[in-house]
Amino acid sequence: MTSTFDPREAARFLRTLRVAAQTAIARHDLGGVGAGARPISSFAALAAKGAEDWRFPAAGILSGDGLVLARLLHESEDAKVLALQAQGVAGLSGYAERAVKVRLGEGFEIDGMFDRDGGLHVVLDAEALARADFARLEVELLDSAP
């Protein structure tokens, strides 16, 4: 064992420790500590209401726990697609092939299921767009962990 201090090795160790800790916390949250626990990923300030339509960042928004990325895809004037993608190992292990309930504010709820690659597309027609509130989005896991 050497007694020299290498700042690069220390920084690498701290990054590894941070990633391991975040992954453990996310897996713990997804596992549901209590019997009735339902993990919910929330997105803060998802979009801003402009003069005519919601302004949604092109790069998307990451959930508060860092496990899901939400992007709004523009398909046509009458319908839009909200794309949800699980992020990282913890996101994929927690969301891939899992049933969820997607809530856009108080006015819109839809049940869906993430695919094996951790992706979910929610089609929003004109009626759903009128009821949806893009300022608040929640994704709630419905089934138990595999």
N, C-alpha and C. Protein backbone atom coordinates (compact mmCIF):
# COMPACT_ATOMS: atom_id res chain seq x y z
N MET A 1 0.83 -1.17 0.00
CA MET A 1 0.00 0.00 0.00
C MET A 1 0.88 1.24 0.00
N THR A 2 0.57 2.17 -0.89
CA THR A 2 1.36 3.40 -0.98
C THR A 2 0.73 4.48 -0.12
N SER A 3 1.57 5.40 0.32
CA SER A 3 1.09 6.49 1.16
C SER A 3 0.93 7.79 0.38
N THR A 4 1.02 7.72 -0.95
CA THR A 4 0.84 8.93 -1.76
C THR A 4 -0.63 9.14 -2.07
N PHE A 5 -1.00 10.39 -2.16
CA PHE A 5 -2.39 10.76 -2.45
C PHE A 5 -2.51 11.18 -3.91
N ASP A 6 -3.35 10.50 -4.65
CA ASP A 6 -3.59 10.83 -6.06
C ASP A 6 -5.00 11.42 -6.19
N PRO A 7 -5.13 12.70 -6.50
CA PRO A 7 -6.46 13.34 -6.58
C PRO A 7 -7.38 12.68 -7.62
N ARG A 8 -6.81 12.19 -8.71
CA ARG A 8 -7.64 11.54 -9.73
C ARG A 8 -8.26 10.25 -9.22
N GLU A 9 -7.47 9.47 -8.49
CA GLU A 9 -7.98 8.23 -7.91
C GLU A 9 -9.05 8.51 -6.85
N ALA A 10 -8.84 9.56 -6.06
CA ALA A 10 -9.82 9.93 -5.04
C ALA A 10 -11.12 10.39 -5.69
N ALA A 11 -11.03 11.17 -6.75
CA ALA A 11 -12.24 11.64 -7.46
C ALA A 11 -12.98 10.46 -8.08
N ARG A 12 -12.24 9.52 -8.65
CA ARG A 12 -12.86 8.33 -9.24
C ARG A 12 -13.58 7.50 -8.18
N PHE A 13 -12.91 7.32 -7.04
CA PHE A 13 -13.53 6.58 -5.94
C PHE A 13 -14.81 7.27 -5.47
N LEU A 14 -14.79 8.59 -5.32
CA LEU A 14 -15.97 9.32 -4.86
C LEU A 14 -17.12 9.25 -5.86
N ARG A 15 -16.82 9.29 -7.17
CA ARG A 15 -17.86 9.14 -8.19
C ARG A 15 -18.48 7.76 -8.12
N THR A 16 -17.66 6.74 -7.96
CA THR A 16 -18.15 5.37 -7.85
C THR A 16 -19.02 5.21 -6.62
N LEU A 17 -18.60 5.78 -5.51
CA LEU A 17 -19.37 5.72 -4.28
C LEU A 17 -20.71 6.44 -4.43
N ARG A 18 -20.73 7.59 -5.11
CA ARG A 18 -21.96 8.34 -5.31
C ARG A 18 -22.94 7.55 -6.17
N VAL A 19 -22.46 6.96 -7.26
CA VAL A 19 -23.33 6.18 -8.14
C VAL A 19 -23.88 4.96 -7.40
N ALA A 20 -23.04 4.28 -6.65
CA ALA A 20 -23.49 3.11 -5.90
C ALA A 20 -24.54 3.50 -4.86
N ALA A 21 -24.32 4.61 -4.17
CA ALA A 21 -25.29 5.06 -3.16
C ALA A 21 -26.61 5.46 -3.81
N GLN A 22 -26.58 6.20 -4.92
CA GLN A 22 -27.81 6.59 -5.60
C GLN A 22 -28.57 5.38 -6.12
N THR A 23 -27.86 4.40 -6.65
CA THR A 23 -28.51 3.19 -7.14
C THR A 23 -29.16 2.43 -5.99
N ALA A 24 -28.47 2.31 -4.87
CA ALA A 24 -29.03 1.60 -3.71
C ALA A 24 -30.27 2.31 -3.18
N ILE A 25 -30.23 3.64 -3.12
CA ILE A 25 -31.39 4.39 -2.64
C ILE A 25 -32.57 4.22 -3.60
N ALA A 26 -32.31 4.31 -4.90
CA ALA A 26 -33.39 4.15 -5.88
C ALA A 26 -33.99 2.76 -5.83
N ARG A 27 -33.15 1.74 -5.71
CA ARG A 27 -33.67 0.36 -5.62
C ARG A 27 -34.46 0.17 -4.35
N HIS A 28 -34.03 0.76 -3.27
CA HIS A 28 -34.77 0.68 -2.01
C HIS A 28 -36.13 1.34 -2.15
N ASP A 29 -36.17 2.53 -2.77
CA ASP A 29 -37.44 3.23 -2.98
C ASP A 29 -38.37 2.45 -3.89
N LEU A 30 -37.83 1.84 -4.94
CA LEU A 30 -38.65 1.08 -5.87
C LEU A 30 -39.16 -0.22 -5.26
N GLY A 31 -38.40 -0.79 -4.32
CA GLY A 31 -38.79 -2.05 -3.71
C GLY A 31 -39.99 -1.93 -2.79
N GLY A 32 -40.33 -0.73 -2.38
CA GLY A 32 -41.48 -0.55 -1.50
C GLY A 32 -41.17 -1.06 -0.11
N VAL A 33 -40.77 -0.17 0.77
CA VAL A 33 -40.39 -0.56 2.11
C VAL A 33 -41.57 -1.16 2.86
N GLY A 34 -42.72 -0.51 2.79
CA GLY A 34 -43.91 -1.03 3.47
C GLY A 34 -44.74 -1.86 2.53
N ALA A 35 -45.70 -2.57 3.07
CA ALA A 35 -46.54 -3.45 2.25
C ALA A 35 -47.39 -2.66 1.27
N GLY A 36 -47.85 -1.47 1.69
CA GLY A 36 -48.73 -0.70 0.82
C GLY A 36 -48.00 0.39 0.05
N ALA A 37 -46.68 0.39 0.06
CA ALA A 37 -45.93 1.46 -0.60
C ALA A 37 -46.10 1.39 -2.11
N ARG A 38 -46.33 2.53 -2.73
CA ARG A 38 -46.44 2.64 -4.18
C ARG A 38 -45.47 3.72 -4.64
N PRO A 39 -44.30 3.34 -5.16
CA PRO A 39 -43.32 4.33 -5.58
C PRO A 39 -43.88 5.23 -6.68
N ILE A 40 -43.68 6.52 -6.52
CA ILE A 40 -44.13 7.50 -7.49
C ILE A 40 -42.95 8.36 -7.89
N SER A 41 -42.72 8.49 -9.20
CA SER A 41 -41.72 9.42 -9.72
C SER A 41 -42.44 10.70 -10.11
N SER A 42 -41.99 11.80 -9.55
CA SER A 42 -42.61 13.09 -9.85
C SER A 42 -41.65 13.96 -10.64
N PHE A 43 -42.23 14.79 -11.48
CA PHE A 43 -41.47 15.73 -12.29
C PHE A 43 -41.85 17.13 -11.85
N ALA A 44 -40.87 17.94 -11.51
CA ALA A 44 -41.14 19.32 -11.09
C ALA A 44 -40.98 20.24 -12.29
N ALA A 45 -41.90 21.19 -12.43
CA ALA A 45 -41.84 22.18 -13.51
C ALA A 45 -41.65 21.52 -14.86
N LEU A 46 -42.54 20.60 -15.18
CA LEU A 46 -42.42 19.84 -16.42
C LEU A 46 -42.49 20.72 -17.66
N ALA A 47 -43.42 21.66 -17.68
CA ALA A 47 -43.57 22.54 -18.84
C ALA A 47 -44.18 23.85 -18.39
N ALA A 48 -44.04 24.86 -19.23
CA ALA A 48 -44.61 26.18 -18.94
C ALA A 48 -45.70 26.49 -19.95
N LYS A 49 -46.77 27.10 -19.48
CA LYS A 49 -47.89 27.44 -20.36
C LYS A 49 -47.53 28.74 -21.08
N GLY A 50 -47.48 28.68 -22.40
CA GLY A 50 -47.22 29.86 -23.21
C GLY A 50 -48.51 30.53 -23.60
N ALA A 51 -48.44 31.41 -24.56
CA ALA A 51 -49.63 32.13 -25.00
C ALA A 51 -50.65 31.19 -25.62
N GLU A 52 -50.18 30.19 -26.36
CA GLU A 52 -51.10 29.29 -27.05
C GLU A 52 -51.00 27.84 -26.59
N ASP A 53 -49.80 27.37 -26.27
CA ASP A 53 -49.60 25.95 -26.01
C ASP A 53 -48.57 25.78 -24.89
N TRP A 54 -48.44 24.56 -24.42
CA TRP A 54 -47.42 24.25 -23.44
C TRP A 54 -46.05 24.27 -24.10
N ARG A 55 -45.08 24.88 -23.45
CA ARG A 55 -43.70 24.87 -23.95
C ARG A 55 -42.95 23.81 -23.16
N PHE A 56 -42.49 22.82 -23.88
CA PHE A 56 -41.85 21.66 -23.26
C PHE A 56 -40.40 21.65 -23.73
N PRO A 57 -39.41 21.51 -22.83
CA PRO A 57 -38.00 21.49 -23.25
C PRO A 57 -37.73 20.36 -24.24
N ALA A 58 -37.02 20.66 -25.30
CA ALA A 58 -36.73 19.66 -26.34
C ALA A 58 -35.93 18.49 -25.78
N ALA A 59 -35.05 18.75 -24.83
CA ALA A 59 -34.23 17.68 -24.25
C ALA A 59 -35.02 16.83 -23.26
N GLY A 60 -36.20 17.30 -22.86
CA GLY A 60 -37.01 16.57 -21.90
C GLY A 60 -36.68 16.97 -20.48
N ILE A 61 -37.36 16.32 -19.55
CA ILE A 61 -37.18 16.59 -18.12
C ILE A 61 -36.96 15.26 -17.40
N LEU A 62 -36.00 15.25 -16.51
CA LEU A 62 -35.71 14.07 -15.71
C LEU A 62 -36.54 14.12 -14.42
N SER A 63 -37.05 12.97 -14.00
CA SER A 63 -37.84 12.92 -12.77
C SER A 63 -36.97 13.29 -11.57
N GLY A 64 -37.62 13.61 -10.47
CA GLY A 64 -36.91 14.01 -9.26
C GLY A 64 -35.96 12.95 -8.75
N ASP A 65 -36.29 11.67 -8.93
CA ASP A 65 -35.41 10.60 -8.49
C ASP A 65 -34.38 10.21 -9.55
N GLY A 66 -34.45 10.83 -10.73
CA GLY A 66 -33.48 10.56 -11.79
C GLY A 66 -33.68 9.25 -12.52
N LEU A 67 -34.84 8.60 -12.36
CA LEU A 67 -35.05 7.29 -12.96
C LEU A 67 -35.82 7.32 -14.28
N VAL A 68 -36.54 8.40 -14.58
CA VAL A 68 -37.35 8.46 -15.79
C VAL A 68 -37.15 9.81 -16.48
N LEU A 69 -36.97 9.77 -17.80
CA LEU A 69 -36.87 10.98 -18.62
C LEU A 69 -38.16 11.11 -19.42
N ALA A 70 -38.77 12.29 -19.38
CA ALA A 70 -40.01 12.54 -20.13
C ALA A 70 -39.73 13.54 -21.23
N ARG A 71 -40.19 13.20 -22.46
CA ARG A 71 -40.07 14.11 -23.60
C ARG A 71 -41.41 14.16 -24.31
N LEU A 72 -41.77 15.31 -24.84
CA LEU A 72 -43.01 15.47 -25.58
C LEU A 72 -42.66 15.45 -27.07
N LEU A 73 -43.17 14.44 -27.77
CA LEU A 73 -42.93 14.31 -29.20
C LEU A 73 -44.12 14.89 -29.94
N HIS A 74 -43.87 15.69 -30.94
CA HIS A 74 -44.96 16.32 -31.69
C HIS A 74 -45.25 15.47 -32.93
N GLU A 75 -46.36 14.77 -32.92
CA GLU A 75 -46.75 13.92 -34.04
C GLU A 75 -47.58 14.69 -35.06
N SER A 76 -48.59 15.41 -34.58
CA SER A 76 -49.46 16.20 -35.46
C SER A 76 -50.10 17.30 -34.64
N GLU A 77 -50.93 18.10 -35.26
CA GLU A 77 -51.60 19.17 -34.54
C GLU A 77 -52.66 18.64 -33.58
N ASP A 78 -53.28 17.50 -33.93
CA ASP A 78 -54.38 16.96 -33.12
C ASP A 78 -53.92 15.99 -32.04
N ALA A 79 -52.71 15.50 -32.12
CA ALA A 79 -52.23 14.53 -31.14
C ALA A 79 -50.74 14.72 -30.90
N LYS A 80 -50.34 14.44 -29.67
CA LYS A 80 -48.93 14.48 -29.30
C LYS A 80 -48.62 13.19 -28.55
N VAL A 81 -47.35 12.86 -28.48
CA VAL A 81 -46.92 11.65 -27.80
C VAL A 81 -45.97 12.04 -26.68
N LEU A 82 -46.30 11.61 -25.47
CA LEU A 82 -45.43 11.79 -24.32
C LEU A 82 -44.57 10.54 -24.21
N ALA A 83 -43.27 10.68 -24.40
CA ALA A 83 -42.35 9.54 -24.34
C ALA A 83 -41.67 9.51 -22.98
N LEU A 84 -41.80 8.39 -22.28
CA LEU A 84 -41.16 8.18 -20.99
C LEU A 84 -40.09 7.11 -21.18
N GLN A 85 -38.87 7.37 -20.70
CA GLN A 85 -37.78 6.42 -20.85
C GLN A 85 -37.06 6.26 -19.52
N ALA A 86 -36.98 5.01 -19.04
CA ALA A 86 -36.24 4.72 -17.81
C ALA A 86 -34.76 5.00 -18.04
N GLN A 87 -34.09 5.49 -17.01
CA GLN A 87 -32.70 5.89 -17.11
C GLN A 87 -31.81 5.05 -16.21
N GLY A 88 -30.68 4.63 -16.73
CA GLY A 88 -29.68 3.92 -15.94
C GLY A 88 -30.11 2.52 -15.55
N VAL A 89 -29.23 1.85 -14.85
CA VAL A 89 -29.48 0.48 -14.42
C VAL A 89 -30.64 0.42 -13.43
N ALA A 90 -30.66 1.36 -12.48
CA ALA A 90 -31.74 1.36 -11.49
C ALA A 90 -33.08 1.64 -12.14
N GLY A 91 -33.12 2.57 -13.11
CA GLY A 91 -34.37 2.87 -13.81
C GLY A 91 -34.86 1.70 -14.62
N LEU A 92 -33.97 1.05 -15.36
CA LEU A 92 -34.36 -0.10 -16.16
C LEU A 92 -34.82 -1.27 -15.30
N SER A 93 -34.10 -1.55 -14.23
CA SER A 93 -34.50 -2.68 -13.38
C SER A 93 -35.80 -2.37 -12.65
N GLY A 94 -36.09 -1.11 -12.43
CA GLY A 94 -37.31 -0.75 -11.73
C GLY A 94 -38.53 -0.60 -12.61
N TYR A 95 -38.35 -0.18 -13.88
CA TYR A 95 -39.50 0.14 -14.72
C TYR A 95 -39.72 -0.79 -15.91
N ALA A 96 -38.69 -1.50 -16.37
CA ALA A 96 -38.85 -2.36 -17.55
C ALA A 96 -39.93 -3.41 -17.30
N GLU A 97 -40.88 -3.49 -18.25
CA GLU A 97 -41.99 -4.45 -18.21
C GLU A 97 -42.82 -4.32 -16.93
N ARG A 98 -43.03 -3.09 -16.47
CA ARG A 98 -43.84 -2.84 -15.27
C ARG A 98 -45.04 -1.97 -15.64
N ALA A 99 -46.17 -2.24 -15.00
CA ALA A 99 -47.39 -1.46 -15.21
C ALA A 99 -47.33 -0.19 -14.38
N VAL A 100 -47.79 0.92 -14.98
CA VAL A 100 -47.77 2.22 -14.30
C VAL A 100 -49.06 2.98 -14.56
N LYS A 101 -49.29 3.98 -13.74
CA LYS A 101 -50.36 4.95 -13.95
C LYS A 101 -49.67 6.29 -14.16
N VAL A 102 -49.96 6.94 -15.30
CA VAL A 102 -49.38 8.24 -15.63
C VAL A 102 -50.43 9.30 -15.34
N ARG A 103 -50.06 10.31 -14.55
CA ARG A 103 -50.97 11.41 -14.22
C ARG A 103 -50.38 12.72 -14.71
N LEU A 104 -51.19 13.47 -15.46
CA LEU A 104 -50.83 14.82 -15.87
C LEU A 104 -51.76 15.77 -15.14
N GLY A 105 -51.33 16.27 -14.00
CA GLY A 105 -52.17 17.13 -13.18
C GLY A 105 -53.34 16.35 -12.63
N GLU A 106 -54.44 17.05 -12.38
CA GLU A 106 -55.65 16.42 -11.86
C GLU A 106 -56.56 15.91 -12.97
N GLY A 107 -56.38 16.42 -14.19
CA GLY A 107 -57.36 16.15 -15.24
C GLY A 107 -57.12 14.94 -16.12
N PHE A 108 -55.95 14.29 -16.04
CA PHE A 108 -55.68 13.21 -16.98
C PHE A 108 -54.90 12.09 -16.31
N GLU A 109 -55.43 10.87 -16.42
CA GLU A 109 -54.76 9.66 -15.92
C GLU A 109 -54.86 8.59 -16.98
N ILE A 110 -53.78 7.82 -17.14
CA ILE A 110 -53.81 6.70 -18.08
C ILE A 110 -52.93 5.59 -17.53
N ASP A 111 -53.40 4.35 -17.70
CA ASP A 111 -52.60 3.19 -17.32
C ASP A 111 -51.76 2.78 -18.52
N GLY A 112 -50.55 2.33 -18.27
CA GLY A 112 -49.67 1.89 -19.35
C GLY A 112 -48.67 0.89 -18.82
N MET A 113 -47.82 0.43 -19.71
CA MET A 113 -46.79 -0.53 -19.32
C MET A 113 -45.51 -0.21 -20.05
N PHE A 114 -44.41 -0.12 -19.30
CA PHE A 114 -43.11 0.10 -19.91
C PHE A 114 -42.71 -1.16 -20.68
N ASP A 115 -42.04 -0.99 -21.82
CA ASP A 115 -41.57 -2.14 -22.58
C ASP A 115 -40.29 -2.68 -21.96
N ARG A 116 -39.73 -3.73 -22.57
CA ARG A 116 -38.55 -4.38 -21.99
C ARG A 116 -37.32 -3.49 -22.03
N ASP A 117 -37.35 -2.43 -22.86
CA ASP A 117 -36.24 -1.49 -22.95
C ASP A 117 -36.46 -0.26 -22.07
N GLY A 118 -37.51 -0.27 -21.25
CA GLY A 118 -37.78 0.82 -20.33
C GLY A 118 -38.44 2.02 -20.97
N GLY A 119 -39.15 1.82 -22.08
CA GLY A 119 -39.81 2.93 -22.77
C GLY A 119 -41.33 2.81 -22.70
N LEU A 120 -42.00 3.95 -22.67
CA LEU A 120 -43.45 4.00 -22.69
C LEU A 120 -43.88 5.24 -23.47
N HIS A 121 -44.79 5.05 -24.43
CA HIS A 121 -45.35 6.17 -25.19
C HIS A 121 -46.82 6.32 -24.83
N VAL A 122 -47.18 7.55 -24.45
CA VAL A 122 -48.56 7.87 -24.12
C VAL A 122 -49.08 8.82 -25.19
N VAL A 123 -50.10 8.39 -25.95
CA VAL A 123 -50.67 9.21 -27.02
C VAL A 123 -51.72 10.13 -26.41
N LEU A 124 -51.58 11.41 -26.67
CA LEU A 124 -52.50 12.42 -26.16
C LEU A 124 -53.25 13.04 -27.33
N ASP A 125 -54.54 12.72 -27.44
CA ASP A 125 -55.35 13.32 -28.51
C ASP A 125 -55.80 14.71 -28.07
N ALA A 126 -56.59 15.39 -28.90
CA ALA A 126 -57.00 16.76 -28.62
C ALA A 126 -57.76 16.87 -27.30
N GLU A 127 -58.63 15.90 -27.01
CA GLU A 127 -59.40 15.93 -25.76
C GLU A 127 -58.48 15.76 -24.55
N ALA A 128 -57.55 14.83 -24.65
CA ALA A 128 -56.61 14.60 -23.55
C ALA A 128 -55.70 15.81 -23.35
N LEU A 129 -55.29 16.44 -24.46
CA LEU A 129 -54.44 17.62 -24.35
C LEU A 129 -55.16 18.76 -23.65
N ALA A 130 -56.46 18.88 -23.87
CA ALA A 130 -57.24 19.93 -23.21
C ALA A 130 -57.33 19.69 -21.71
N ARG A 131 -57.40 18.43 -21.28
CA ARG A 131 -57.52 18.10 -19.86
C ARG A 131 -56.17 18.01 -19.16
N ALA A 132 -55.11 17.73 -19.92
CA ALA A 132 -53.80 17.50 -19.32
C ALA A 132 -53.21 18.78 -18.76
N ASP A 133 -52.43 18.62 -17.70
CA ASP A 133 -51.72 19.73 -17.08
C ASP A 133 -50.24 19.36 -17.09
N PHE A 134 -49.52 19.88 -18.06
CA PHE A 134 -48.11 19.51 -18.21
C PHE A 134 -47.21 20.15 -17.17
N ALA A 135 -47.79 20.94 -16.27
CA ALA A 135 -46.97 21.52 -15.20
C ALA A 135 -46.70 20.49 -14.10
N ARG A 136 -47.46 19.38 -14.10
CA ARG A 136 -47.27 18.36 -13.08
C ARG A 136 -47.46 16.97 -13.68
N LEU A 137 -46.46 16.13 -13.56
CA LEU A 137 -46.50 14.77 -14.07
C LEU A 137 -46.04 13.82 -12.99
N GLU A 138 -46.76 12.71 -12.84
CA GLU A 138 -46.37 11.65 -11.91
C GLU A 138 -46.48 10.31 -12.62
N VAL A 139 -45.54 9.42 -12.33
CA VAL A 139 -45.56 8.06 -12.83
C VAL A 139 -45.55 7.15 -11.62
N GLU A 140 -46.65 6.38 -11.44
CA GLU A 140 -46.79 5.51 -10.28
C GLU A 140 -46.73 4.05 -10.70
N LEU A 141 -45.85 3.28 -10.06
CA LEU A 141 -45.77 1.84 -10.31
C LEU A 141 -47.01 1.17 -9.73
N LEU A 142 -47.65 0.30 -10.51
CA LEU A 142 -48.88 -0.37 -10.05
C LEU A 142 -48.66 -1.79 -9.58
N ASP A 143 -47.75 -2.51 -10.22
CA ASP A 143 -47.55 -3.92 -9.86
C ASP A 143 -46.36 -4.06 -8.91
N SER A 144 -46.25 -5.22 -8.32
CA SER A 144 -45.13 -5.48 -7.43
C SER A 144 -43.89 -5.78 -8.23
N ALA A 145 -42.76 -5.67 -7.60
CA ALA A 145 -41.48 -5.90 -8.27
C ALA A 145 -41.38 -7.34 -8.73
N PRO A 146 -40.73 -7.57 -9.89
CA PRO A 146 -40.59 -8.93 -10.39
C PRO A 146 -39.69 -9.78 -9.53
